[in-house]
C-alpha atoms as a PDB file:
ATOM      1  CA  MET A   1      -3.512  11.956 -75.827  1.00  0.00           C
ATOM      2  CA  ALA A   2      -7.312  12.382 -75.624  1.00  0.00           C
ATOM      3  CA  ASP A   3      -9.820  11.349 -72.457  1.00  0.00           C
ATOM      4  CA  ARG A   4      -9.485   7.425 -72.230  1.00  0.00           C
ATOM      5  CA  ARG A   5     -13.262   7.205 -70.316  1.00  0.00           C
ATOM      6  CA  LEU A   6     -14.238   9.932 -73.188  1.00  0.00           C
ATOM      7  CA  GLN A   7     -13.013   7.814 -76.190  1.00  0.00           C
ATOM      8  CA  VAL A   8     -15.050   4.391 -74.482  1.00  0.00           C
ATOM      9  CA  PHE A   9     -18.164   6.436 -73.987  1.00  0.00           C
ATOM     10  CA  HIS A  10     -17.901   7.795 -77.705  1.00  0.00           C
ATOM     11  CA  THR A  11     -17.987   4.348 -79.261  1.00  0.00           C
ATOM     12  CA  VAL A  12     -20.158   2.933 -76.688  1.00  0.00           C
ATOM     13  CA  ALA A  13     -22.910   5.839 -77.314  1.00  0.00           C
ATOM     14  CA  ARG A  14     -22.273   5.701 -81.104  1.00  0.00           C
ATOM     15  CA  LEU A  15     -22.654   1.814 -81.546  1.00  0.00           C
ATOM     16  CA  LEU A  16     -25.179   1.826 -78.927  1.00  0.00           C
ATOM     17  CA  SER A  17     -23.499  -1.233 -77.561  1.00  0.00           C
ATOM     18  CA  PHE A  18     -21.373  -2.068 -74.797  1.00  0.00           C
ATOM     19  CA  THR A  19     -20.051  -5.754 -76.528  1.00  0.00           C
ATOM     20  CA  LYS A  20     -19.592  -4.064 -80.197  1.00  0.00           C
ATOM     21  CA  ALA A  21     -17.585  -1.097 -78.568  1.00  0.00           C
ATOM     22  CA  ALA A  22     -15.224  -3.588 -76.367  1.00  0.00           C
ATOM     23  CA  ASP A  23     -14.831  -5.475 -79.372  1.00  0.00           C
ATOM     24  CA  ALA A  24     -14.192  -2.447 -81.616  1.00  0.00           C
ATOM     25  CA  LEU A  25     -12.038  -1.032 -78.873  1.00  0.00           C
ATOM     26  CA  HIS A  26     -10.278  -4.944 -78.635  1.00  0.00           C
ATOM     27  CA  MET A  27     -11.423  -4.366 -75.229  1.00  0.00           C
ATOM     28  CA  THR A  28     -12.940  -6.445 -72.509  1.00  0.00           C
ATOM     29  CA  GLN A  29     -16.996  -5.684 -71.941  1.00  0.00           C
ATOM     30  CA  PRO A  30     -16.239  -5.636 -68.134  1.00  0.00           C
ATOM     31  CA  ALA A  31     -13.068  -3.251 -69.048  1.00  0.00           C
ATOM     32  CA  VAL A  32     -15.342  -0.615 -71.391  1.00  0.00           C
ATOM     33  CA  THR A  33     -18.023  -0.681 -68.410  1.00  0.00           C
ATOM     34  CA  PHE A  34     -15.798   0.316 -66.003  1.00  0.00           C
ATOM     35  CA  GLN A  35     -14.684   3.324 -67.862  1.00  0.00           C
ATOM     36  CA  VAL A  36     -18.248   4.342 -68.340  1.00  0.00           C
ATOM     37  CA  ARG A  37     -18.533   4.215 -64.840  1.00  0.00           C
ATOM     38  CA  GLN A  38     -15.806   6.630 -64.503  1.00  0.00           C
ATOM     39  CA  LEU A  39     -17.110   9.338 -66.302  1.00  0.00           C
ATOM     40  CA  GLU A  40     -20.340   9.119 -65.165  1.00  0.00           C
ATOM     41  CA  GLU A  41     -19.274   9.252 -61.643  1.00  0.00           C
ATOM     42  CA  HIS A  42     -16.891  12.250 -62.986  1.00  0.00           C
ATOM     43  CA  TYR A  43     -20.141  14.204 -63.960  1.00  0.00           C
ATOM     44  CA  ASN A  44     -22.209  12.791 -60.990  1.00  0.00           C
ATOM     45  CA  THR A  45     -24.866  11.817 -63.868  1.00  0.00           C
ATOM     46  CA  ARG A  46     -26.081   9.016 -65.877  1.00  0.00           C
ATOM     47  CA  LEU A  47     -25.046   8.827 -69.265  1.00  0.00           C
ATOM     48  CA  PHE A  48     -27.139   5.739 -70.440  1.00  0.00           C
ATOM     49  CA  ASP A  49     -30.579   3.855 -69.727  1.00  0.00           C
ATOM     50  CA  ARG A  50     -30.330   0.881 -69.443  1.00  0.00           C
ATOM     51  CA  THR A  51     -33.086  -1.112 -70.333  1.00  0.00           C
ATOM     52  CA  HIS A  52     -34.349  -4.560 -70.806  1.00  0.00           C
ATOM     53  CA  ASN A  53     -30.527  -5.574 -72.144  1.00  0.00           C
ATOM     54  CA  ARG A  54     -31.200  -2.508 -74.816  1.00  0.00           C
ATOM     55  CA  ILE A  55     -29.317   1.692 -74.036  1.00  0.00           C
ATOM     56  CA  SER A  56     -29.822   4.776 -74.639  1.00  0.00           C
ATOM     57  CA  LEU A  57     -28.355   8.108 -74.329  1.00  0.00           C
ATOM     58  CA  THR A  58     -29.643  10.177 -71.981  1.00  0.00           C
ATOM     59  CA  VAL A  59     -30.211  14.058 -72.013  1.00  0.00           C
ATOM     60  CA  ALA A  60     -27.011  14.489 -70.587  1.00  0.00           C
ATOM     61  CA  GLY A  61     -25.255  11.681 -71.937  1.00  0.00           C
ATOM     62  CA  GLN A  62     -26.715  12.973 -75.539  1.00  0.00           C
ATOM     63  CA  ARG A  63     -25.015  16.155 -74.647  1.00  0.00           C
ATOM     64  CA  VAL A  64     -21.699  14.087 -73.636  1.00  0.00           C
ATOM     65  CA  TYR A  65     -21.611  12.909 -77.062  1.00  0.00           C
ATOM     66  CA  GLU A  66     -22.240  15.829 -79.004  1.00  0.00           C
ATOM     67  CA  TYR A  67     -19.314  17.570 -77.624  1.00  0.00           C
ATOM     68  CA  ALA A  68     -16.611  14.368 -77.231  1.00  0.00           C
ATOM     69  CA  ALA A  69     -17.432  14.285 -81.628  1.00  0.00           C
ATOM     70  CA  ARG A  70     -16.438  17.616 -81.603  1.00  0.00           C
ATOM     71  CA  ILE A  71     -13.141  17.033 -79.396  1.00  0.00           C
ATOM     72  CA  PHE A  72     -12.229  14.401 -81.666  1.00  0.00           C
ATOM     73  CA  GLU A  73     -12.486  15.659 -84.828  1.00  0.00           C
ATOM     74  CA  MET A  74     -10.528  19.221 -83.408  1.00  0.00           C
ATOM     75  CA  TYR A  75      -8.232  16.308 -81.991  1.00  0.00           C
ATOM     76  CA  GLU A  76      -7.648  14.419 -85.374  1.00  0.00           C
ATOM     77  CA  GLU A  77      -7.516  17.985 -87.476  1.00  0.00           C
ATOM     78  CA  MET A  78      -4.672  18.817 -84.572  1.00  0.00           C
ATOM     79  CA  GLU A  79      -2.918  15.821 -85.332  1.00  0.00           C
ATOM     80  CA  ASN A  80      -2.346  16.266 -89.364  1.00  0.00           C
ATOM     81  CA  ALA A  81      -2.000  19.646 -88.979  1.00  0.00           C
ATOM     82  CA  VAL A  82       1.629  18.511 -86.547  1.00  0.00           C
ATOM     83  CA  ARG A  83       2.238  15.874 -89.377  1.00  0.00           C
ATOM     84  CA  GLU A  84       1.262  17.863 -92.514  1.00  0.00           C
ATOM     85  CA  MET A  85       4.313  19.982 -90.673  1.00  0.00           C
ATOM     86  CA  THR A  86       6.752  17.143 -89.938  1.00  0.00           C
ATOM     87  CA  GLY A  87       6.016  15.076 -92.625  1.00  0.00           C
ATOM     88  CA  GLU A  88       5.525  12.041 -90.116  1.00  0.00           C
ATOM     89  CA  ILE A  89       2.455   9.844 -91.554  1.00  0.00           C
ATOM     90  CA  SER A  90       2.373   7.452 -88.618  1.00  0.00           C
ATOM     91  CA  GLY A  91      -1.749   6.528 -86.799  1.00  0.00           C
ATOM     92  CA  VAL A  92      -3.745   3.029 -86.659  1.00  0.00           C
ATOM     93  CA  LEU A  93      -6.125   2.950 -90.005  1.00  0.00           C
ATOM     94  CA  ILE A  94      -9.015   0.617 -89.401  1.00  0.00           C
ATOM     95  CA  ILE A  95      -9.942  -0.982 -92.986  1.00  0.00           C
ATOM     96  CA  GLY A  96     -12.939  -3.056 -93.414  1.00  0.00           C
ATOM     97  CA  ALA A  97     -12.989  -5.732 -96.617  1.00  0.00           C
ATOM     98  CA  SER A  98     -15.503  -8.101 -98.334  1.00  0.00           C
ATOM     99  CA  THR A  99     -14.487 -11.895 -98.030  1.00  0.00           C
ATOM    100  CA  THR A 100     -13.505 -12.192-101.349  1.00  0.00           C
ATOM    101  CA  ILE A 101     -11.510  -8.747-101.535  1.00  0.00           C
ATOM    102  CA  ALA A 102      -9.959  -9.220 -98.008  1.00  0.00           C
ATOM    103  CA  GLU A 103      -8.720 -13.215 -99.363  1.00  0.00           C
ATOM    104  CA  TYR A 104      -7.455 -12.017-102.437  1.00  0.00           C
ATOM    105  CA  MET A 105      -7.224  -8.869-102.915  1.00  0.00           C
ATOM    106  CA  LEU A 106      -6.108  -6.684 -99.680  1.00  0.00           C
ATOM    107  CA  PRO A 107      -3.091  -9.001 -98.798  1.00  0.00           C
ATOM    108  CA  SER A 108      -0.500  -7.665-102.046  1.00  0.00           C
ATOM    109  CA  LEU A 109      -1.828  -3.894-101.697  1.00  0.00           C
ATOM    110  CA  LEU A 110      -1.418  -3.112 -97.689  1.00  0.00           C
ATOM    111  CA  GLY A 111       1.948  -5.128 -97.995  1.00  0.00           C
ATOM    112  CA  ASP A 112       3.130  -2.660-100.484  1.00  0.00           C
ATOM    113  CA  PHE A 113       1.550   0.004 -98.142  1.00  0.00           C
ATOM    114  CA  LYS A 114       3.430  -0.933 -94.964  1.00  0.00           C
ATOM    115  CA  ARG A 115       6.515  -0.984 -96.945  1.00  0.00           C
ATOM    116  CA  LYS A 116       6.195   1.904 -98.063  1.00  0.00           C
ATOM    117  CA  TYR A 117       4.395   3.637 -94.353  1.00  0.00           C
ATOM    118  CA  PRO A 118       5.820   1.677 -91.682  1.00  0.00           C
ATOM    119  CA  ASP A 119       4.555   3.470 -88.967  1.00  0.00           C
ATOM    120  CA  VAL A 120       1.162   3.244 -89.624  1.00  0.00           C
ATOM    121  CA  ASN A 121      -0.787   0.239 -87.953  1.00  0.00           C
ATOM    122  CA  ILE A 122      -3.070  -1.458 -89.911  1.00  0.00           C
ATOM    123  CA  ARG A 123      -6.294  -3.618 -88.436  1.00  0.00           C
ATOM    124  CA  LEU A 124      -8.763  -5.403 -91.008  1.00  0.00           C
ATOM    125  CA  LYS A 125     -11.906  -6.889 -90.323  1.00  0.00           C
ATOM    126  CA  VAL A 126     -13.476  -9.032 -92.526  1.00  0.00           C
ATOM    127  CA  SER A 127     -17.368  -8.957 -92.986  1.00  0.00           C
ATOM    128  CA  ASN A 128     -19.992  -9.386 -96.119  1.00  0.00           C
ATOM    129  CA  THR A 129     -20.429  -6.639 -97.864  1.00  0.00           C
ATOM    130  CA  ASP A 130     -23.963  -5.555 -95.399  1.00  0.00           C
ATOM    131  CA  GLY A 131     -21.791  -6.023 -92.492  1.00  0.00           C
ATOM    132  CA  ILE A 132     -18.587  -3.941 -93.771  1.00  0.00           C
ATOM    133  CA  VAL A 133     -21.178  -0.573 -95.122  1.00  0.00           C
ATOM    134  CA  SER A 134     -22.950  -0.625 -91.565  1.00  0.00           C
ATOM    135  CA  MET A 135     -19.591  -0.349 -90.029  1.00  0.00           C
ATOM    136  CA  VAL A 136     -18.509   2.166 -92.108  1.00  0.00           C
ATOM    137  CA  GLU A 137     -22.050   4.078 -91.770  1.00  0.00           C
ATOM    138  CA  ASN A 138     -21.489   3.672 -87.491  1.00  0.00           C
ATOM    139  CA  ASN A 139     -17.898   5.005 -88.262  1.00  0.00           C
ATOM    140  CA  VAL A 140     -16.722   1.456 -86.450  1.00  0.00           C
ATOM    141  CA  ILE A 141     -13.770   1.401 -89.312  1.00  0.00           C
ATOM    142  CA  ASP A 142     -12.110   4.043 -91.440  1.00  0.00           C
ATOM    143  CA  LEU A 143     -12.367   2.351 -95.280  1.00  0.00           C
ATOM    144  CA  GLY A 144     -14.496  -0.201 -96.492  1.00  0.00           C
ATOM    145  CA  VAL A 145     -14.118  -2.116 -99.650  1.00  0.00           C
ATOM    146  CA  VAL A 146     -16.730  -4.068-101.002  1.00  0.00           C
ATOM    147  CA  GLU A 147     -17.516  -6.428-103.900  1.00  0.00           C
ATOM    148  CA  ALA A 148     -21.146  -5.208-104.636  1.00  0.00           C
ATOM    149  CA  THR A 149     -23.269  -1.828-105.362  1.00  0.00           C
ATOM    150  CA  VAL A 150     -23.490   0.627-101.915  1.00  0.00           C
ATOM    151  CA  ALA A 151     -27.379   1.670-101.465  1.00  0.00           C
ATOM    152  CA  ASN A 152     -26.478   4.035 -98.989  1.00  0.00           C
ATOM    153  CA  LYS A 153     -26.410   8.006-100.764  1.00  0.00           C
ATOM    154  CA  ASN A 154     -24.905   9.447 -97.499  1.00  0.00           C
ATOM    155  CA  LEU A 155     -21.737   7.374 -98.026  1.00  0.00           C
ATOM    156  CA  ALA A 156     -18.598   7.743-100.632  1.00  0.00           C
ATOM    157  CA  VAL A 157     -18.046   5.644-102.814  1.00  0.00           C
ATOM    158  CA  GLU A 158     -15.540   5.042-105.220  1.00  0.00           C
ATOM    159  CA  LEU A 159     -15.122   2.914-107.603  1.00  0.00           C
ATOM    160  CA  CYS A 160     -12.107   0.948-107.708  1.00  0.00           C
ATOM    161  CA  ARG A 161     -12.058  -1.976-110.610  1.00  0.00           C
ATOM    162  CA  MET A 162     -14.869  -4.343-112.099  1.00  0.00           C
ATOM    163  CA  ASP A 163     -14.482  -7.853-111.356  1.00  0.00           C
ATOM    164  CA  LYS A 164     -15.553 -10.576-113.523  1.00  0.00           C
ATOM    165  CA  LEU A 165     -17.909 -13.233-112.438  1.00  0.00           C
ATOM    166  CA  VAL A 166     -17.404 -17.035-114.071  1.00  0.00           C
ATOM    167  CA  ALA A 167     -19.336 -20.547-113.254  1.00  0.00           C
ATOM    168  CA  ILE A 168     -17.019 -22.765-111.863  1.00  0.00           C
ATOM    169  CA  VAL A 169     -17.542 -26.812-111.829  1.00  0.00           C
ATOM    170  CA  PRO A 170     -15.163 -30.017-111.016  1.00  0.00           C
ATOM    171  CA  ARG A 171     -13.305 -31.508-113.135  1.00  0.00           C
ATOM    172  CA  GLY A 172     -15.139 -34.503-115.506  1.00  0.00           C
ATOM    173  CA  HIS A 173     -18.384 -32.175-115.011  1.00  0.00           C
ATOM    174  CA  ALA A 174     -20.731 -32.406-117.686  1.00  0.00           C
ATOM    175  CA  MET A 175     -20.102 -29.056-118.692  1.00  0.00           C
ATOM    176  CA  ALA A 176     -16.065 -28.601-117.975  1.00  0.00           C
ATOM    177  CA  GLN A 177     -15.276 -28.728-121.679  1.00  0.00           C
ATOM    178  CA  ARG A 178     -17.427 -25.696-122.572  1.00  0.00           C
ATOM    179  CA  LYS A 179     -15.965 -22.386-123.198  1.00  0.00           C
ATOM    180  CA  SER A 180     -19.605 -20.222-122.421  1.00  0.00           C
ATOM    181  CA  ILE A 181     -22.759 -21.582-120.525  1.00  0.00           C
ATOM    182  CA  ARG A 182     -26.557 -19.577-120.193  1.00  0.00           C
ATOM    183  CA  MET A 183     -27.624 -18.832-116.912  1.00  0.00           C
ATOM    184  CA  GLU A 184     -30.317 -21.204-117.693  1.00  0.00           C
ATOM    185  CA  GLU A 185     -28.012 -24.027-118.132  1.00  0.00           C
ATOM    186  CA  LEU A 186     -26.483 -23.516-115.127  1.00  0.00           C
ATOM    187  CA  LEU A 187     -30.118 -24.015-113.013  1.00  0.00           C
ATOM    188  CA  GLU A 188     -30.370 -27.634-113.828  1.00  0.00           C
ATOM    189  CA  TYR A 189     -27.222 -28.642-111.353  1.00  0.00           C
ATOM    190  CA  PRO A 190     -26.973 -28.422-107.608  1.00  0.00           C
ATOM    191  CA  TYR A 191     -25.524 -25.241-106.399  1.00  0.00           C
ATOM    192  CA  ILE A 192     -23.233 -23.928-104.100  1.00  0.00           C
ATOM    193  CA  CYS A 193     -24.559 -20.356-102.879  1.00  0.00           C
ATOM    194  CA  ARG A 194     -22.598 -17.576-100.385  1.00  0.00           C
ATOM    195  CA  GLU A 195     -24.971 -16.508 -97.504  1.00  0.00           C
ATOM    196  CA  GLU A 196     -27.152 -13.825 -97.416  1.00  0.00           C
ATOM    197  CA  GLY A 197     -25.535 -10.204 -97.215  1.00  0.00           C
ATOM    198  CA  SER A 198     -22.911 -12.020 -99.428  1.00  0.00           C
ATOM    199  CA  GLY A 199     -21.955  -9.199-102.062  1.00  0.00           C
ATOM    200  CA  THR A 200     -21.548 -12.344-104.597  1.00  0.00           C
ATOM    201  CA  ARG A 201     -24.587 -13.570-104.042  1.00  0.00           C
ATOM    202  CA  GLU A 202     -26.814 -10.083-104.323  1.00  0.00           C
ATOM    203  CA  VAL A 203     -24.575  -9.872-107.624  1.00  0.00           C
ATOM    204  CA  ILE A 204     -26.319 -12.976-108.583  1.00  0.00           C
ATOM    205  CA  LEU A 205     -29.595 -12.595-107.327  1.00  0.00           C
ATOM    206  CA  ASP A 206     -30.020  -9.337-109.272  1.00  0.00           C
ATOM    207  CA  TYR A 207     -28.166 -10.787-112.648  1.00  0.00           C
ATOM    208  CA  LEU A 208     -31.451 -13.333-112.364  1.00  0.00           C
ATOM    209  CA  ARG A 209     -33.775 -10.847-112.150  1.00  0.00           C
ATOM    210  CA  ASP A 210     -32.255  -8.669-114.695  1.00  0.00           C
ATOM    211  CA  THR A 211     -32.551 -12.078-117.283  1.00  0.00           C
ATOM    212  CA  GLY A 212     -36.510 -12.491-116.400  1.00  0.00           C
ATOM    213  CA  MET A 213     -35.743 -15.454-114.269  1.00  0.00           C
ATOM    214  CA  GLU A 214     -37.291 -15.961-110.532  1.00  0.00           C
ATOM    215  CA  SER A 215     -34.663 -15.533-107.955  1.00  0.00           C
ATOM    216  CA  ASP A 216     -35.151 -18.976-106.362  1.00  0.00           C
ATOM    217  CA  ALA A 217     -34.767 -20.345-109.371  1.00  0.00           C
ATOM    218  CA  LEU A 218     -31.332 -21.501-108.324  1.00  0.00           C
ATOM    219  CA  ASN A 219     -30.980 -25.420-107.175  1.00  0.00           C
ATOM    220  CA  VAL A 220     -29.405 -23.718-104.315  1.00  0.00           C
ATOM    221  CA  ILE A 221     -28.090 -27.505-102.329  1.00  0.00           C
ATOM    222  CA  LEU A 222     -25.078 -25.713 -99.627  1.00  0.00           C
ATOM    223  CA  GLU A 223     -24.781 -22.124 -98.165  1.00  0.00           C
ATOM    224  CA  LEU A 224     -20.661 -21.408 -97.213  1.00  0.00           C
ATOM    225  CA  GLY A 225     -19.630 -18.466 -96.109  1.00  0.00           C
ATOM    226  CA  SER A 226     -16.413 -18.271 -97.376  1.00  0.00           C
ATOM    227  CA  PRO A 227     -14.431 -18.588-101.148  1.00  0.00           C
ATOM    228  CA  GLU A 228     -12.548 -21.035 -99.873  1.00  0.00           C
ATOM    229  CA  ALA A 229     -15.121 -23.125 -98.409  1.00  0.00           C
ATOM    230  CA  ILE A 230     -16.885 -22.753-101.585  1.00  0.00           C
ATOM    231  CA  LYS A 231     -14.443 -23.815-103.778  1.00  0.00           C
ATOM    232  CA  GLY A 232     -13.997 -27.359-101.941  1.00  0.00           C
ATOM    233  CA  ALA A 233     -17.228 -28.040-101.874  1.00  0.00           C
ATOM    234  CA  VAL A 234     -17.095 -27.747-106.152  1.00  0.00           C
ATOM    235  CA  GLU A 235     -13.988 -29.563-106.444  1.00  0.00           C
ATOM    236  CA  ALA A 236     -15.132 -32.517-104.252  1.00  0.00           C
ATOM    237  CA  GLY A 237     -18.226 -32.657-107.000  1.00  0.00           C
ATOM    238  CA  ILE A 238     -20.899 -31.409-104.309  1.00  0.00           C
ATOM    239  CA  GLY A 239     -22.432 -28.910-106.776  1.00  0.00           C
ATOM    240  CA  VAL A 240     -21.643 -25.614-109.183  1.00  0.00           C
ATOM    241  CA  THR A 241     -21.492 -22.123-108.602  1.00  0.00           C
ATOM    242  CA  ILE A 242     -20.413 -19.170-109.470  1.00  0.00           C
ATOM    243  CA  MET A 243     -18.233 -16.937-108.504  1.00  0.00           C
ATOM    244  CA  SER A 244     -15.093 -14.491-108.784  1.00  0.00           C
ATOM    245  CA  ARG A 245     -12.406 -15.030-111.535  1.00  0.00           C
ATOM    246  CA  ALA A 246      -9.771 -13.383-109.390  1.00  0.00           C
ATOM    247  CA  THR A 247     -10.038 -16.072-106.673  1.00  0.00           C
ATOM    248  CA  LEU A 248      -9.525 -19.058-109.082  1.00  0.00           C
ATOM    249  CA  ASN A 249      -5.762 -19.121-109.972  1.00  0.00           C
ATOM    250  CA  LYS A 250      -4.650 -21.844-108.005  1.00  0.00           C
ATOM    251  CA  GLU A 251      -7.405 -23.570-108.865  1.00  0.00           C
ATOM    252  CA  ILE A 252      -7.659 -23.830-112.518  1.00  0.00           C
ATOM    253  CA  GLU A 253      -3.553 -23.883-112.301  1.00  0.00           C
ATOM    254  CA  LEU A 254      -3.683 -27.331-110.557  1.00  0.00           C
ATOM    255  CA  GLY A 255      -6.669 -28.158-112.685  1.00  0.00           C
ATOM    256  CA  THR A 256      -8.738 -29.352-109.854  1.00  0.00           C
ATOM    257  CA  ILE A 257     -11.710 -27.137-111.402  1.00  0.00           C
ATOM    258  CA  VAL A 258     -13.243 -25.621-114.843  1.00  0.00           C
ATOM    259  CA  ALA A 259     -13.880 -21.991-115.372  1.00  0.00           C
ATOM    260  CA  ILE A 260     -16.483 -21.418-117.708  1.00  0.00           C
ATOM    261  CA  ASP A 261     -18.159 -17.827-119.386  1.00  0.00           C
ATOM    262  CA  LEU A 262     -21.513 -16.741-118.624  1.00  0.00           C
ATOM    263  CA  GLU A 263     -23.580 -15.102-121.598  1.00  0.00           C
ATOM    264  CA  PRO A 264     -24.556 -12.396-120.800  1.00  0.00           C
ATOM    265  CA  SER A 265     -21.123 -12.246-118.528  1.00  0.00           C
ATOM    266  CA  ILE A 266     -21.464 -10.694-115.019  1.00  0.00           C
ATOM    267  CA  GLU A 267     -19.452  -8.168-114.043  1.00  0.00           C
ATOM    268  CA  ARG A 268     -19.480  -6.850-110.127  1.00  0.00           C
ATOM    269  CA  PRO A 269     -17.656  -3.392-108.619  1.00  0.00           C
ATOM    270  CA  PHE A 270     -14.884  -3.211-106.389  1.00  0.00           C
ATOM    271  CA  SER A 271     -15.261   0.105-104.653  1.00  0.00           C
ATOM    272  CA  PHE A 272     -13.852   1.406-101.665  1.00  0.00           C
ATOM    273  CA  VAL A 273     -16.798   3.370 -99.275  1.00  0.00           C
ATOM    274  CA  HIS A 274     -16.043   5.902 -96.661  1.00  0.00           C
ATOM    275  CA  GLN A 275     -17.981   8.796 -94.627  1.00  0.00           C
ATOM    276  CA  LYS A 276     -18.676  11.961 -96.905  1.00  0.00           C
ATOM    277  CA  HIS A 277     -18.329  14.080 -94.157  1.00  0.00           C
ATOM    278  CA  LYS A 278     -15.979  13.101 -91.609  1.00  0.00           C
ATOM    279  CA  PHE A 279     -12.335  14.088 -91.680  1.00  0.00           C
ATOM    280  CA  ARG A 280      -9.684  11.133 -92.414  1.00  0.00           C
ATOM    281  CA  GLN A 281      -6.819  11.349 -90.915  1.00  0.00           C
ATOM    282  CA  ARG A 282      -3.784  12.164 -93.249  1.00  0.00           C
ATOM    283  CA  ALA A 283      -2.920   8.153 -93.261  1.00  0.00           C
ATOM    284  CA  VAL A 284      -6.252   7.634 -94.364  1.00  0.00           C
ATOM    285  CA  ASN A 285      -5.729   9.774 -97.658  1.00  0.00           C
ATOM    286  CA  GLU A 286      -2.790   8.149 -98.334  1.00  0.00           C
ATOM    287  CA  LEU A 287      -4.104   4.536 -98.002  1.00  0.00           C
ATOM    288  CA  LEU A 288      -6.608   5.762-100.650  1.00  0.00           C
ATOM    289  CA  GLU A 289      -4.378   7.552-102.981  1.00  0.00           C
ATOM    290  CA  PHE A 290      -2.150   4.185-102.778  1.00  0.00           C
ATOM    291  CA  ALA A 291      -5.310   2.363-103.415  1.00  0.00           C
ATOM    292  CA  ARG A 292      -6.194   4.210-106.496  1.00  0.00           C
ATOM    293  CA  SER A 293      -2.540   3.332-107.762  1.00  0.00           C
ATOM    294  CA  TYR A 294      -2.797  -0.192-107.008  1.00  0.00           C
ATOM    295  CA  CYS A 295      -5.919  -0.450-108.919  1.00  0.00           C
ATOM    296  CA  ASP A 296      -5.247   1.044-111.642  1.00  0.00           C
ATOM    297  CA  ALA A 297      -2.244  -1.411-112.363  1.00  0.00           C
ATOM    298  CA  GLN A 298      -4.950  -3.765-111.619  1.00  0.00           C
ATOM    299  CA  LYS A 299      -6.687  -2.454-114.519  1.00  0.00           C
ATOM    300  CA  ASP A 300      -3.724  -1.933-116.617  1.00  0.00           C
ATOM    301  CA  VAL A 301      -3.093  -5.671-116.010  1.00  0.00           C
ATOM    302  CA  LEU A 302      -6.240  -6.947-116.823  1.00  0.00           C
ATOM    303  CA  GLU A 303      -7.106  -5.199-120.058  1.00  0.00           C
ATOM    304  CA  ASP A 304      -3.853  -6.315-121.429  1.00  0.00           C
END
């Protein structure tokens, strides 16, 4: 119902990028530019200054942006009010998750949620932890699920559960028969690492610092951007790594890799993150409640 031109303008103004807005809106960049130009023609004024491939809001653009934010917040309140009267839970939810969570935790959670609320359409964006936090900060997504501590105190962070990290080595490795290992021993072997911005990488670097070791102590020979790629490299005998125990069930069952406990152990939080003061549509609140129940059930399984 809301004016499409205003929606597109508001997204561009929030992200200060036509390219990022096109991605967020699932539109082409020329279509985004066309909508903004139509709005500028409607008001007979420029809403953006465009210089050196960067954009900024004009005085008029800033005023339109402020009103647009208020309009869309009131629009969401109206939608929720009517849906509460009718009992309907529907709409589009945009969720962001870091790679490990998106691949190993969310499929079953979102599948169960979709069966309960078939009229809610879910879009999932996958990035590393830094990328997901940035999307929450910029209102690109309604809810983020991340695998490391969130430093931004202006965001609401809610713990889902703790995740245990373990060392993994290929079958037949010199350490394959060990039940536990200290980090100093692991440092002797070639190491396969996640990319910068990964929650797993940040947790491991924090662990090194907390135990009095230098952050560059790892003998990194390869950086890869996904858990599946890293597991494949370990299976191939390229090196060793540290990963979430929750990602390893298939490989351990097949016997292609061996998981070894670390001494002292490493745990990191799986957390929900969202804007503190943003008005949330009812479907987001329902998903949060559903996810809390799911996480509680997962805790019980892990404790058993």
